[in-house]
Amino acid sequence: MLGMLARLLKALNSESGPWAIAWAFVLGMIMGLTPLFSLHNLVILFLAMSLRVNFSGFLLAWIFFSGVAYLFDPVADWIGEALLQADALQGLWVSLYDNPLARLLQFNHTITLGSLVFALAFAPVWLFISYYLIINYRKRVQAWFVKLKVVQALKGSKFWSVYQRVNGLRGG
């Protein structure tokens, strides 16, 4: 866990694009808020592994939102139940349930349907919040940290140059 956090901080402090990190947070949020053993989570995992997003950020967001998901379960249940009982959508649900492949999506479960709809609706908001937080972290926290006397003394020491050389050889 500390290793993932260190890799996330490294990504936040690197030249990685803030959008790539923000998208990692969004994909982790979607996967964390929805039930784990769902077909759509395989798609989310595939996207996280194939797109150029920060995988540590994805994993940390997934872990965080998996814990928060229990607070949103009543809301997800309510959304899922409202969608499943909507008269206008009855034909869609019957056709999905009659199709064996579509049944794997588990949209007949209120929590699965409601949490996915909630997560997809919240995704654009979380994307811009994440982007804003990353930009402000880089402007304020990172700039403040670099100005500390301890950090300046450490960066000016022989230890820092040896560390940079070893880290460069290792590919980090």
Protein backbone atom coordinates (compact mmCIF):
# COMPACT_ATOMS: atom_id res chain seq x y z
CA MET A 1 0.00 0.00 0.00
CA LEU A 2 2.80 2.42 0.84
CA GLY A 3 4.54 1.49 -2.40
CA MET A 4 1.41 2.39 -4.39
CA LEU A 5 1.12 5.67 -2.52
CA ALA A 6 4.79 6.42 -3.23
CA ARG A 7 4.26 5.69 -6.95
CA LEU A 8 1.21 7.96 -6.96
CA LEU A 9 3.17 10.78 -5.33
CA LYS A 10 5.94 10.19 -7.87
CA ALA A 11 3.39 10.51 -10.67
CA LEU A 12 1.89 13.64 -9.13
CA ASN A 13 5.35 15.19 -8.91
CA SER A 14 6.45 14.05 -12.37
CA GLU A 15 5.74 15.51 -15.75
CA SER A 16 2.83 13.09 -16.25
CA GLY A 17 -0.17 14.82 -17.67
CA PRO A 18 -2.80 15.75 -15.10
CA TRP A 19 -5.53 14.40 -17.38
CA ALA A 20 -3.92 10.94 -17.39
CA ILE A 21 -3.90 10.86 -13.60
CA ALA A 22 -7.45 12.27 -13.42
CA TRP A 23 -8.70 9.58 -15.82
CA ALA A 24 -7.03 6.95 -13.63
CA PHE A 25 -8.99 8.32 -10.67
CA VAL A 26 -12.24 8.19 -12.69
CA LEU A 27 -11.74 4.60 -13.83
CA GLY A 28 -10.85 3.59 -10.27
CA MET A 29 -13.94 5.38 -8.99
CA ILE A 30 -16.23 3.55 -11.42
CA MET A 31 -14.72 0.19 -10.55
CA GLY A 32 -14.82 0.93 -6.82
CA LEU A 33 -18.43 2.08 -6.67
CA THR A 34 -19.79 -0.90 -8.60
CA PRO A 35 -19.89 -4.56 -7.48
CA LEU A 36 -16.49 -6.14 -8.11
CA PHE A 37 -17.49 -9.29 -9.98
CA SER A 38 -19.27 -7.60 -12.87
CA LEU A 39 -18.61 -7.79 -16.58
CA HIS A 40 -18.36 -4.03 -16.93
CA ASN A 41 -15.49 -4.05 -14.40
CA LEU A 42 -13.50 -6.26 -16.78
CA VAL A 43 -13.95 -3.53 -19.40
CA ILE A 44 -12.84 -0.87 -16.89
CA LEU A 45 -9.80 -2.94 -15.91
CA PHE A 46 -8.92 -3.45 -19.59
CA LEU A 47 -9.17 0.31 -20.19
CA ALA A 48 -7.01 1.08 -17.16
CA MET A 49 -4.34 -1.36 -18.30
CA SER A 50 -4.37 -0.41 -21.97
CA LEU A 51 -4.70 3.38 -21.84
CA ARG A 52 -1.89 5.59 -20.64
CA VAL A 53 -3.29 6.27 -17.19
CA ASN A 54 -1.42 6.06 -13.93
CA PHE A 55 -2.10 2.54 -12.69
CA SER A 56 -1.19 3.37 -9.06
CA GLY A 57 -3.76 6.16 -9.12
CA PHE A 58 -6.30 3.73 -10.55
CA LEU A 59 -5.64 1.18 -7.81
CA LEU A 60 -5.75 3.74 -4.99
CA ALA A 61 -9.00 5.24 -6.32
CA TRP A 62 -10.45 1.74 -6.62
CA ILE A 63 -9.50 0.91 -3.01
CA PHE A 64 -10.80 4.24 -1.70
CA PHE A 65 -14.13 4.09 -3.56
CA SER A 66 -14.62 0.43 -2.68
CA GLY A 67 -14.73 1.55 0.94
CA VAL A 68 -16.96 4.53 0.19
CA ALA A 69 -19.32 2.41 -1.94
CA TYR A 70 -21.11 1.05 1.13
CA LEU A 71 -22.30 4.58 1.91
CA PHE A 72 -23.77 4.90 -1.60
CA ASP A 73 -25.47 1.50 -1.67
CA PRO A 74 -28.88 2.84 -0.53
CA VAL A 75 -28.74 5.49 -3.26
CA ALA A 76 -27.62 2.90 -5.84
CA ASP A 77 -30.40 0.56 -4.75
CA TRP A 78 -32.96 3.34 -5.10
CA ILE A 79 -31.67 4.33 -8.58
CA GLY A 80 -31.55 0.72 -9.75
CA GLU A 81 -35.02 -0.05 -8.45
CA ALA A 82 -36.47 3.09 -10.04
CA LEU A 83 -34.91 2.19 -13.40
CA LEU A 84 -35.98 -1.45 -13.24
CA GLN A 85 -39.56 -0.51 -12.37
CA ALA A 86 -39.91 2.28 -14.94
CA ASP A 87 -42.73 1.37 -17.30
CA ALA A 88 -40.98 2.92 -20.29
CA LEU A 89 -37.95 0.63 -19.83
CA GLN A 90 -39.76 -2.68 -19.26
CA GLY A 91 -39.22 -3.84 -22.84
CA LEU A 92 -35.49 -3.17 -22.57
CA TRP A 93 -35.13 -5.12 -19.33
CA VAL A 94 -37.13 -8.07 -20.64
CA SER A 95 -35.06 -8.25 -23.83
CA LEU A 96 -31.80 -7.98 -21.85
CA TYR A 97 -32.89 -10.70 -19.46
CA ASP A 98 -33.95 -12.99 -22.31
CA ASN A 99 -30.51 -12.66 -23.94
CA PRO A 100 -27.99 -15.01 -22.24
CA LEU A 101 -25.03 -12.74 -23.00
CA ALA A 102 -26.78 -9.63 -21.73
CA ARG A 103 -27.70 -11.49 -18.55
CA LEU A 104 -23.97 -11.55 -17.72
CA LEU A 105 -24.12 -7.76 -17.31
CA GLN A 106 -26.31 -8.35 -14.21
CA PHE A 107 -28.43 -5.28 -14.87
CA ASN A 108 -31.38 -7.08 -13.28
CA HIS A 109 -29.72 -6.42 -9.88
CA THR A 110 -30.67 -3.07 -8.40
CA ILE A 111 -27.26 -2.40 -6.80
CA THR A 112 -25.32 -3.23 -9.98
CA LEU A 113 -27.52 -1.11 -12.23
CA GLY A 114 -27.89 1.76 -9.79
CA SER A 115 -24.22 1.96 -8.85
CA LEU A 116 -23.11 1.87 -12.49
CA VAL A 117 -25.57 4.61 -13.46
CA PHE A 118 -24.53 6.68 -10.44
CA ALA A 119 -20.81 6.17 -11.17
CA LEU A 120 -21.21 7.05 -14.85
CA ALA A 121 -23.24 10.15 -13.97
CA PHE A 122 -20.64 11.24 -11.39
CA ALA A 123 -17.64 10.43 -13.65
CA PRO A 124 -17.47 13.81 -15.49
CA VAL A 125 -17.74 15.67 -12.20
CA TRP A 126 -15.01 13.54 -10.59
CA LEU A 127 -12.82 13.96 -13.69
CA PHE A 128 -12.80 17.75 -13.39
CA ILE A 129 -12.49 17.67 -9.58
CA SER A 130 -9.49 15.33 -9.88
CA TYR A 131 -7.91 17.50 -12.55
CA TYR A 132 -8.41 20.61 -10.40
CA LEU A 133 -6.91 18.89 -7.33
CA ILE A 134 -3.87 17.66 -9.30
CA ILE A 135 -3.21 21.10 -10.80
CA ASN A 136 -3.54 22.79 -7.41
CA TYR A 137 -1.34 20.14 -5.77
CA ARG A 138 1.38 20.86 -8.31
CA LYS A 139 1.02 24.63 -7.93
CA ARG A 140 0.81 24.88 -4.17
CA VAL A 141 1.95 21.78 -2.29
CA GLN A 142 4.75 20.73 -4.59
CA ALA A 143 6.05 24.31 -4.90
CA TRP A 144 5.92 24.74 -1.10
CA PHE A 145 7.69 21.42 -0.52
CA VAL A 146 10.54 22.24 -2.94
CA LYS A 147 11.14 25.55 -1.10
CA LEU A 148 11.76 23.83 2.25
CA LYS A 149 15.32 24.23 3.51
CA VAL A 150 15.59 20.52 4.30
CA VAL A 151 14.67 19.56 0.74
CA GLN A 152 17.08 22.13 -0.73
CA ALA A 153 19.88 20.85 1.51
CA LEU A 154 19.12 17.25 0.55
CA LYS A 155 19.06 18.05 -3.15
CA GLY A 156 22.39 19.84 -2.83
CA SER A 157 24.08 16.91 -1.12
CA LYS A 158 26.24 14.14 -2.56
CA PHE A 159 23.61 11.62 -1.43
CA TRP A 160 21.05 13.13 -3.81
CA SER A 161 23.34 12.94 -6.82
CA VAL A 162 24.17 9.29 -6.05
CA TYR A 163 20.46 8.55 -5.62
CA GLN A 164 19.62 10.20 -8.96
CA ARG A 165 22.36 8.23 -10.71
CA VAL A 166 21.23 4.89 -9.20
CA ASN A 167 17.59 5.69 -9.90
CA GLY A 168 18.45 6.50 -13.52
CA LEU A 169 20.33 3.22 -13.93
CA ARG A 170 17.42 1.29 -12.47
CA GLY A 171 15.00 2.90 -14.91
CA GLY A 172 12.94 4.69 -12.27
